[in-house]
Amino acid sequence: MSLLPLGVIYGIGHFFYFMMLYVFPYRRKVVSKNITRSFPNMPKKERVKIVKAFYRYLTYLLAESVKNLTIKEENLRKRVVVKNPELMDRLYAEKRDVLLLSSHYNNWELLITAQNLVFQHQAVGIGMPLSNKFWDNKINERRERFGMKVVNANNYKEVLKQYEEKPTATLILGDQSPGKDENCYWTKFLNQETAFFFGAEILANQLDAAVVYGVLHQVKRGYYELELRLITEDPKGETYGKITGDYISMLEKDIQTNPSSWLWSHKRWKKAIPTDLTQLKTNHQQRFEERFKKEDKKIGAKQKEIQLDA
């Protein structure tokens, strides 16, 4: 099916749009609930429009993702372009590793496949493996064919060591549903308490990597422009939660601007809010600061002693 012209695949997608929306609703309750909770003050009529627009987006996403399995390099380069490449070019010239934080907004699969073509950095993607090993291997094989290296939480350190001579740009889709409550960063997001992965902020401090937010804007059907926004070049100098908080704020604004292009069918809020949430937040911050900011405090105290002596 991937070998068919994209226009033909879009045509097949129109059939699935009708089926998913009206005949065999695909996660319709999840989608409607997520949108209602995220936009509680929006008129119901407007929310219904977002639901329908989302399913249209989803069928286009599926069609493009199918085509992405066999798309040619020349075609892919036309479909994913960078709006402001000078930011990544400068960081590469300075030999800085980068964490590229993005989300399930517009077509992230095209971004994964194209990343090694649009940046000079070696592309690395940290993801969660699929439960089906056959399809996990097959899809990752397709994602990697233009140079991207797909890794997971268990092997990313070994892979990054292989590229010590060349700066890397590690892509993280930070809007997935995280694991244990005590390891999450909890904050208000789209009008509700939400748990986020905190791994990007930890990794930024471990690697002393610059952090860049990347958002895909649809130019027209099947064509996207990647906009880059710098979060920080000095992760070790940032306070707890600054990196994650800035990412969340940028993502929220982009979703509010064009809500139908985010993956509402994902069970983003399946975690129950812990009863001891305040204590969890305090403990999480303390563990992070003890691990990464303890030395900074020692240096600050030493400098103060020197000033007093002087």
Protein backbone atom coordinates (compact mmCIF):
# COMPACT_ATOMS: atom_id res chain seq x y z
CA MET A 1 0.00 0.00 0.00
CA SER A 2 2.88 2.37 0.77
CA LEU A 3 4.06 2.08 -2.85
CA LEU A 4 0.84 3.67 -4.10
CA PRO A 5 0.82 7.40 -4.95
CA LEU A 6 0.04 9.46 -1.85
CA GLY A 7 -3.08 10.88 -3.51
CA VAL A 8 -4.48 7.37 -3.83
CA ILE A 9 -3.69 6.62 -0.19
CA TYR A 10 -5.45 9.85 0.83
CA GLY A 11 -8.47 8.63 -1.13
CA ILE A 12 -8.51 5.39 0.83
CA GLY A 13 -8.18 7.48 3.97
CA HIS A 14 -11.47 9.25 3.20
CA PHE A 15 -13.21 5.90 3.60
CA PHE A 16 -11.53 5.31 6.96
CA TYR A 17 -12.48 8.81 8.09
CA PHE A 18 -16.15 7.98 7.64
CA MET A 19 -15.75 4.57 9.30
CA MET A 20 -13.79 5.86 12.32
CA LEU A 21 -16.11 8.80 12.91
CA TYR A 22 -19.55 7.29 12.30
CA VAL A 23 -19.60 3.49 11.78
CA PHE A 24 -16.99 2.03 14.13
CA PRO A 25 -15.98 5.05 16.23
CA TYR A 26 -12.27 4.90 17.03
CA ARG A 27 -11.78 6.04 20.63
CA ARG A 28 -14.56 8.57 20.14
CA LYS A 29 -15.28 8.74 23.88
CA VAL A 30 -11.60 9.30 24.67
CA VAL A 31 -11.29 12.04 22.05
CA SER A 32 -14.49 13.84 23.12
CA LYS A 33 -13.62 13.60 26.81
CA ASN A 34 -10.08 14.91 26.29
CA ILE A 35 -11.26 17.88 24.25
CA THR A 36 -14.09 18.71 26.67
CA ARG A 37 -11.74 18.68 29.66
CA SER A 38 -9.14 20.74 27.82
CA PHE A 39 -11.58 23.40 26.60
CA PRO A 40 -14.31 23.46 29.29
CA ASN A 41 -15.47 27.00 28.44
CA MET A 42 -15.70 26.42 24.72
CA PRO A 43 -19.23 26.08 23.24
CA LYS A 44 -20.17 22.47 22.53
CA LYS A 45 -20.64 23.27 18.84
CA GLU A 46 -17.00 24.37 18.58
CA ARG A 47 -15.77 21.27 20.39
CA VAL A 48 -17.70 19.07 17.96
CA LYS A 49 -15.94 20.86 15.10
CA ILE A 50 -12.57 20.08 16.68
CA VAL A 51 -13.54 16.40 17.02
CA LYS A 52 -14.46 16.14 13.33
CA ALA A 53 -11.36 18.07 12.26
CA PHE A 54 -9.23 15.79 14.42
CA TYR A 55 -10.49 12.65 12.68
CA ARG A 56 -9.78 14.26 9.32
CA TYR A 57 -6.25 15.02 10.54
CA LEU A 58 -5.91 11.45 11.83
CA THR A 59 -6.76 9.93 8.45
CA TYR A 60 -4.21 12.21 6.75
CA LEU A 61 -1.67 11.26 9.41
CA LEU A 62 -2.25 7.55 8.77
CA ALA A 63 -2.01 8.00 5.01
CA GLU A 64 1.23 9.99 5.25
CA SER A 65 2.70 7.55 7.78
CA VAL A 66 1.98 4.65 5.44
CA LYS A 67 3.66 6.51 2.58
CA ASN A 68 6.55 7.39 4.89
CA LEU A 69 7.55 3.71 4.99
CA THR A 70 8.79 3.87 1.39
CA ILE A 71 9.03 7.58 0.59
CA LYS A 72 12.05 8.65 -1.44
CA GLU A 73 14.61 11.04 0.02
CA GLU A 74 13.97 13.76 -2.57
CA ASN A 75 10.24 13.68 -1.86
CA LEU A 76 10.74 13.70 1.90
CA ARG A 77 13.07 16.72 1.73
CA LYS A 78 10.28 18.66 0.00
CA ARG A 79 7.70 17.67 2.62
CA VAL A 80 9.71 18.57 5.74
CA VAL A 81 11.64 21.85 5.71
CA VAL A 82 13.08 23.88 8.58
CA LYS A 83 11.84 27.46 9.01
CA ASN A 84 14.88 28.73 10.93
CA PRO A 85 17.82 26.31 10.45
CA GLU A 86 20.36 28.91 11.59
CA LEU A 87 19.77 27.97 15.25
CA MET A 88 20.81 24.34 14.78
CA ASP A 89 23.59 25.36 12.38
CA ARG A 90 25.12 27.58 15.05
CA LEU A 91 24.88 24.92 17.74
CA TYR A 92 26.51 22.42 15.40
CA ALA A 93 29.35 24.83 14.62
CA GLU A 94 29.85 25.21 18.38
CA LYS A 95 29.93 21.39 18.68
CA ARG A 96 26.95 21.41 21.03
CA ASP A 97 24.76 18.37 21.54
CA VAL A 98 21.06 19.19 21.36
CA LEU A 99 17.89 17.78 22.86
CA LEU A 100 15.09 18.41 20.37
CA LEU A 101 11.78 18.38 22.26
CA SER A 102 8.69 17.86 20.14
CA SER A 103 5.29 16.18 20.42
CA HIS A 104 2.53 14.21 18.72
CA TYR A 105 1.46 17.29 16.82
CA ASN A 106 1.01 17.16 13.04
CA ASN A 107 3.13 14.41 11.45
CA TRP A 108 5.88 13.45 13.86
CA GLU A 109 6.66 10.29 11.83
CA LEU A 110 7.85 12.39 8.89
CA LEU A 111 10.01 14.39 11.31
CA ILE A 112 11.59 11.23 12.75
CA THR A 113 12.48 9.93 9.30
CA ALA A 114 13.67 13.31 7.97
CA GLN A 115 15.62 14.59 10.96
CA ASN A 116 19.00 13.32 9.80
CA LEU A 117 18.42 14.98 6.42
CA VAL A 118 17.49 18.46 7.66
CA PHE A 119 20.17 18.90 10.36
CA GLN A 120 23.95 18.46 10.40
CA HIS A 121 23.74 16.82 13.83
CA GLN A 122 23.59 13.05 14.04
CA ALA A 123 19.92 12.28 14.59
CA VAL A 124 18.96 10.11 17.57
CA GLY A 125 15.41 9.37 18.66
CA ILE A 126 14.43 8.13 22.11
CA GLY A 127 11.14 6.29 22.00
CA MET A 128 8.99 3.69 23.70
CA PRO A 129 9.15 0.31 21.92
CA LEU A 130 5.95 -1.20 20.53
CA SER A 131 4.57 -4.24 22.32
CA ASN A 132 4.78 -6.23 19.06
CA LYS A 133 8.51 -6.84 18.49
CA PHE A 134 8.10 -7.65 14.80
CA TRP A 135 6.42 -4.34 14.00
CA ASP A 136 8.70 -2.46 16.38
CA ASN A 137 11.76 -3.71 14.48
CA LYS A 138 10.14 -3.20 11.08
CA ILE A 139 9.00 0.38 11.73
CA ASN A 140 12.29 1.38 13.34
CA GLU A 141 14.15 -0.08 10.37
CA ARG A 142 12.15 2.24 8.11
CA ARG A 143 12.65 5.22 10.42
CA GLU A 144 16.42 4.72 10.39
CA ARG A 145 16.98 4.38 6.64
CA PHE A 146 18.14 8.01 6.21
CA GLY A 147 20.49 7.98 9.19
CA MET A 148 18.26 8.40 12.26
CA LYS A 149 19.24 6.09 15.14
CA VAL A 150 16.25 4.97 17.23
CA VAL A 151 17.01 4.05 20.85
CA ASN A 152 15.11 3.51 24.08
CA ALA A 153 15.65 4.23 27.76
CA ASN A 154 17.72 1.07 28.17
CA ASN A 155 20.37 1.65 25.51
CA TYR A 156 20.55 5.39 24.73
CA LYS A 157 23.75 5.94 26.74
CA GLU A 158 25.67 3.30 24.78
CA VAL A 159 24.42 4.68 21.47
CA LEU A 160 25.28 8.30 22.30
CA LYS A 161 28.84 7.24 23.19
CA GLN A 162 29.26 6.04 19.60
CA TYR A 163 28.91 9.64 18.39
CA GLU A 164 31.33 11.40 20.73
CA GLU A 165 33.18 12.87 17.72
CA LYS A 166 30.03 14.38 16.20
CA PRO A 167 27.33 16.47 17.90
CA THR A 168 24.00 14.71 18.26
CA ALA A 169 20.42 15.98 18.15
CA THR A 170 18.27 13.68 20.28
CA LEU A 171 14.56 13.83 19.51
CA ILE A 172 12.15 13.31 22.41
CA LEU A 173 8.37 13.39 22.03
CA GLY A 174 7.65 14.69 25.51
CA ASP A 175 3.85 14.45 25.54
CA GLN A 176 3.54 10.71 26.07
CA SER A 177 1.91 9.33 29.20
CA PRO A 178 4.66 8.67 31.78
CA GLY A 179 5.17 5.90 34.31
CA LYS A 180 5.42 6.01 38.10
CA ASP A 181 3.77 8.97 39.83
CA GLU A 182 6.82 9.77 41.94
CA ASN A 183 9.04 10.12 38.86
CA CYS A 184 6.72 12.51 37.00
CA TYR A 185 6.69 16.27 36.70
CA TRP A 186 3.14 17.33 37.64
CA THR A 187 1.70 20.61 36.43
CA LYS A 188 -1.41 22.27 35.02
CA PHE A 189 -1.73 21.57 31.30
CA LEU A 190 -4.83 22.27 29.22
CA ASN A 191 -6.86 23.09 32.34
CA GLN A 192 -6.04 19.91 34.25
CA GLU A 193 -3.35 18.44 36.46
CA THR A 194 -1.07 16.46 34.17
CA ALA A 195 1.95 14.20 34.61
CA PHE A 196 4.91 14.64 32.25
CA PHE A 197 8.10 12.73 31.62
CA PHE A 198 11.03 14.48 33.30
CA GLY A 199 13.72 12.52 31.46
CA ALA A 200 14.54 15.33 29.02
CA GLU A 201 15.46 17.71 31.83
CA ILE A 202 17.59 15.04 33.51
CA LEU A 203 19.28 14.15 30.22
CA ALA A 204 19.97 17.82 29.46
CA ASN A 205 21.80 18.14 32.79
CA GLN A 206 23.68 14.87 32.28
CA LEU A 207 24.89 15.82 28.80
CA ASP A 208 25.02 19.60 29.30
CA ALA A 209 23.09 19.74 26.03
CA ALA A 210 21.29 22.72 24.55
CA VAL A 211 17.50 22.26 24.55
CA VAL A 212 15.41 23.25 21.53
CA TYR A 213 11.66 23.03 21.07
CA GLY A 214 10.53 21.95 17.61
CA VAL A 215 6.97 22.27 16.32
CA LEU A 216 5.67 21.16 12.93
CA HIS A 217 3.29 23.51 11.15
CA GLN A 218 1.27 22.22 8.22
CA VAL A 219 1.89 24.36 5.13
CA LYS A 220 -0.58 22.35 3.05
CA ARG A 221 -1.72 18.75 3.05
CA GLY A 222 1.36 16.53 3.29
CA TYR A 223 3.85 19.42 3.60
CA TYR A 224 5.29 20.69 6.90
CA GLU A 225 7.55 23.43 8.21
CA LEU A 226 9.56 22.82 11.38
CA GLU A 227 9.88 25.88 13.61
CA LEU A 228 12.67 25.85 16.22
CA ARG A 229 12.59 27.73 19.52
CA LEU A 230 15.53 27.78 21.91
CA ILE A 231 14.69 26.77 25.49
CA THR A 232 18.20 26.94 26.95
CA GLU A 233 21.88 26.63 26.13
CA ASP A 234 22.81 26.30 29.80
CA PRO A 235 20.71 23.52 31.35
CA LYS A 236 22.91 23.29 34.43
CA GLY A 237 22.24 26.94 35.15
CA GLU A 238 18.45 26.56 35.03
CA THR A 239 16.28 26.04 38.10
CA TYR A 240 14.27 22.87 38.66
CA GLY A 241 11.44 22.47 36.17
CA LYS A 242 12.41 25.42 33.97
CA ILE A 243 13.17 23.28 30.91
CA THR A 244 10.14 21.03 31.27
CA GLY A 245 7.88 23.96 32.14
CA ASP A 246 8.93 25.98 29.10
CA TYR A 247 8.36 22.96 26.84
CA ILE A 248 4.89 22.41 28.28
CA SER A 249 3.97 26.09 27.92
CA MET A 250 5.05 26.18 24.26
CA LEU A 251 3.23 22.93 23.47
CA GLU A 252 0.05 24.16 25.15
CA LYS A 253 0.02 27.38 23.12
CA ASP A 254 0.51 25.49 19.87
CA ILE A 255 -2.33 23.09 20.70
CA GLN A 256 -4.64 25.98 21.60
CA THR A 257 -3.78 27.69 18.30
CA ASN A 258 -4.58 24.61 16.20
CA PRO A 259 -6.23 21.99 18.45
CA SER A 260 -7.24 19.49 15.76
CA SER A 261 -3.59 18.68 14.92
CA TRP A 262 -2.73 17.07 18.27
CA LEU A 263 -3.23 13.36 19.02
CA TRP A 264 -6.42 13.53 21.12
CA SER A 265 -7.00 9.77 20.79
CA HIS A 266 -4.01 9.17 23.04
CA LYS A 267 -5.04 8.38 26.64
CA ARG A 268 -3.01 11.29 27.96
CA TRP A 269 -4.87 11.63 31.26
CA LYS A 270 -5.32 8.00 32.21
CA LYS A 271 -3.37 8.47 35.46
CA ALA A 272 -5.38 9.29 38.56
CA ILE A 273 -4.21 12.39 40.42
CA PRO A 274 -2.32 11.20 43.52
CA THR A 275 -3.80 12.14 46.88
CA ASP A 276 -0.33 13.16 48.11
CA LEU A 277 0.45 15.26 45.02
CA THR A 278 1.94 18.21 46.93
CA GLN A 279 4.39 15.94 48.73
CA LEU A 280 5.23 14.12 45.49
CA LYS A 281 6.13 17.42 43.85
CA THR A 282 8.33 18.42 46.79
CA ASN A 283 10.12 15.07 46.86
CA HIS A 284 10.68 15.12 43.11
CA GLN A 285 12.28 18.55 43.24
CA GLN A 286 14.48 17.60 46.20
CA ARG A 287 15.78 14.47 44.45
CA PHE A 288 16.61 16.44 41.32
CA GLU A 289 18.40 19.22 43.18
CA GLU A 290 20.39 16.80 45.30
CA ARG A 291 21.53 15.04 42.14
CA PHE A 292 22.30 17.99 39.88
CA LYS A 293 22.35 21.20 41.93
CA LYS A 294 24.25 20.07 45.03
CA GLU A 295 27.62 20.92 43.50
CA ASP A 296 26.31 24.31 42.33
CA LYS A 297 25.32 25.12 45.93
CA LYS A 298 28.78 24.14 47.17
CA ILE A 299 30.43 26.39 44.58
CA GLY A 300 28.10 29.26 45.49
CA ALA A 301 28.84 28.85 49.20
CA LYS A 302 32.60 28.77 48.52
CA GLN A 303 32.40 31.96 46.45
CA LYS A 304 30.46 33.65 49.26
CA GLU A 305 33.17 32.64 51.76
CA ILE A 306 35.84 34.14 49.50
CA GLN A 307 33.91 37.39 49.21
CA LEU A 308 33.50 37.57 52.98
CA ASP A 309 37.20 36.92 53.51
CA ALA A 310 38.05 39.65 51.03
